Amino acid sequence: MAHVINTTHTGFNLFARLRGFAEEVKDSWDRRAEYKRTYAELDSLSNRDLADIGIRRCDIAQIAHAQAYGH
């Protein structure tokens, strides 16, 4: 009985890994920018405006994080 295994060596693709890393960094920067934008927008509201929409000032960071990172 013969057993044959065909494999293809794709090699070490440094450029693909660097491109992937660059995309991860860009995604991280974009998410951080979204967090900062959301935080700043909510922080600029008065306490009364925040109360009208049901947000406490101490919850702004958590809300901005959830908006940017989806957690």
C-alpha atoms as a PDB file:
ATOM      1  CA  MET A   1       0.000   0.000   0.000  1.00  0.00           C
ATOM      2  CA  ALA A   2       1.416   3.364  -1.038  1.00  0.00           C
ATOM      3  CA  HIS A   3       0.761   6.623   0.702  1.00  0.00           C
ATOM      4  CA  VAL A   4       1.360   9.882  -1.128  1.00  0.00           C
ATOM      5  CA  ILE A   5       1.290  13.335   0.395  1.00  0.00           C
ATOM      6  CA  ASN A   6       1.292  16.374  -1.862  1.00  0.00           C
ATOM      7  CA  THR A   7       2.251  19.615  -0.193  1.00  0.00           C
ATOM      8  CA  THR A   8       2.989  22.994  -1.630  1.00  0.00           C
ATOM      9  CA  HIS A   9       5.485  25.206   0.079  1.00  0.00           C
ATOM     10  CA  THR A  10       4.241  28.778  -0.076  1.00  0.00           C
ATOM     11  CA  GLY A  11       7.418  30.170   1.413  1.00  0.00           C
ATOM     12  CA  PHE A  12       7.956  32.959   3.861  1.00  0.00           C
ATOM     13  CA  ASN A  13       6.078  35.950   2.562  1.00  0.00           C
ATOM     14  CA  LEU A  14       7.467  38.877   4.507  1.00  0.00           C
ATOM     15  CA  PHE A  15       5.546  41.467   2.508  1.00  0.00           C
ATOM     16  CA  ALA A  16       2.208  39.800   3.229  1.00  0.00           C
ATOM     17  CA  ARG A  17       3.008  39.726   6.944  1.00  0.00           C
ATOM     18  CA  LEU A  18       4.078  43.372   6.925  1.00  0.00           C
ATOM     19  CA  ARG A  19       0.931  44.355   5.024  1.00  0.00           C
ATOM     20  CA  GLY A  20      -1.178  42.494   7.584  1.00  0.00           C
ATOM     21  CA  PHE A  21       0.627  44.216  10.430  1.00  0.00           C
ATOM     22  CA  ALA A  22       0.138  47.624   8.794  1.00  0.00           C
ATOM     23  CA  GLU A  23      -3.591  46.918   8.404  1.00  0.00           C
ATOM     24  CA  GLU A  24      -3.843  45.966  12.086  1.00  0.00           C
ATOM     25  CA  VAL A  25      -2.095  49.183  13.103  1.00  0.00           C
ATOM     26  CA  LYS A  26      -4.396  51.265  10.886  1.00  0.00           C
ATOM     27  CA  ASP A  27      -7.459  49.509  12.311  1.00  0.00           C
ATOM     28  CA  SER A  28      -6.191  50.191  15.818  1.00  0.00           C
ATOM     29  CA  TRP A  29      -5.658  53.877  15.029  1.00  0.00           C
ATOM     30  CA  ASP A  30      -9.113  54.137  13.463  1.00  0.00           C
ATOM     31  CA  ARG A  31     -10.739  52.569  16.520  1.00  0.00           C
ATOM     32  CA  ARG A  32      -8.809  54.852  18.858  1.00  0.00           C
ATOM     33  CA  ALA A  33      -9.892  57.886  16.803  1.00  0.00           C
ATOM     34  CA  GLU A  34     -13.521  56.723  17.025  1.00  0.00           C
ATOM     35  CA  TYR A  35     -13.170  56.349  20.808  1.00  0.00           C
ATOM     36  CA  LYS A  36     -11.688  59.824  21.192  1.00  0.00           C
ATOM     37  CA  ARG A  37     -14.330  61.380  18.919  1.00  0.00           C
ATOM     38  CA  THR A  38     -17.211  59.720  20.784  1.00  0.00           C
ATOM     39  CA  TYR A  39     -15.740  60.589  24.186  1.00  0.00           C
ATOM     40  CA  ALA A  40     -15.197  64.218  23.226  1.00  0.00           C
ATOM     41  CA  GLU A  41     -18.695  64.556  21.809  1.00  0.00           C
ATOM     42  CA  LEU A  42     -20.374  63.134  24.905  1.00  0.00           C
ATOM     43  CA  ASP A  43     -18.056  65.016  27.257  1.00  0.00           C
ATOM     44  CA  SER A  44     -18.978  68.310  25.601  1.00  0.00           C
ATOM     45  CA  LEU A  45     -22.633  67.863  26.574  1.00  0.00           C
ATOM     46  CA  SER A  46     -23.947  69.471  29.727  1.00  0.00           C
ATOM     47  CA  ASN A  47     -25.051  67.340  32.659  1.00  0.00           C
ATOM     48  CA  ARG A  48     -28.642  68.207  31.842  1.00  0.00           C
ATOM     49  CA  ASP A  49     -28.265  67.073  28.200  1.00  0.00           C
ATOM     50  CA  LEU A  50     -26.654  63.848  29.349  1.00  0.00           C
ATOM     51  CA  ALA A  51     -29.493  63.265  31.814  1.00  0.00           C
ATOM     52  CA  ASP A  52     -32.020  63.848  29.024  1.00  0.00           C
ATOM     53  CA  ILE A  53     -30.525  60.982  27.022  1.00  0.00           C
ATOM     54  CA  GLY A  54     -30.040  58.779  30.084  1.00  0.00           C
ATOM     55  CA  ILE A  55     -26.261  58.908  30.400  1.00  0.00           C
ATOM     56  CA  ARG A  56     -24.282  59.622  33.535  1.00  0.00           C
ATOM     57  CA  ARG A  57     -20.995  61.486  33.119  1.00  0.00           C
ATOM     58  CA  CYS A  58     -19.124  58.591  34.745  1.00  0.00           C
ATOM     59  CA  ASP A  59     -20.388  56.276  31.966  1.00  0.00           C
ATOM     60  CA  ILE A  60     -18.922  58.257  29.071  1.00  0.00           C
ATOM     61  CA  ALA A  61     -15.674  56.277  28.864  1.00  0.00           C
ATOM     62  CA  GLN A  62     -17.523  52.947  28.879  1.00  0.00           C
ATOM     63  CA  ILE A  63     -19.960  54.104  26.192  1.00  0.00           C
ATOM     64  CA  ALA A  64     -17.142  55.434  23.990  1.00  0.00           C
ATOM     65  CA  HIS A  65     -15.259  52.157  24.395  1.00  0.00           C
ATOM     66  CA  ALA A  66     -18.322  50.113  23.450  1.00  0.00           C
ATOM     67  CA  GLN A  67     -18.893  52.317  20.397  1.00  0.00           C
ATOM     68  CA  ALA A  68     -15.315  52.009  19.156  1.00  0.00           C
ATOM     69  CA  TYR A  69     -14.429  48.444  20.108  1.00  0.00           C
ATOM     70  CA  GLY A  70     -17.829  46.778  20.243  1.00  0.00           C
ATOM     71  CA  HIS A  71     -17.557  45.459  23.790  1.00  0.00           C
END
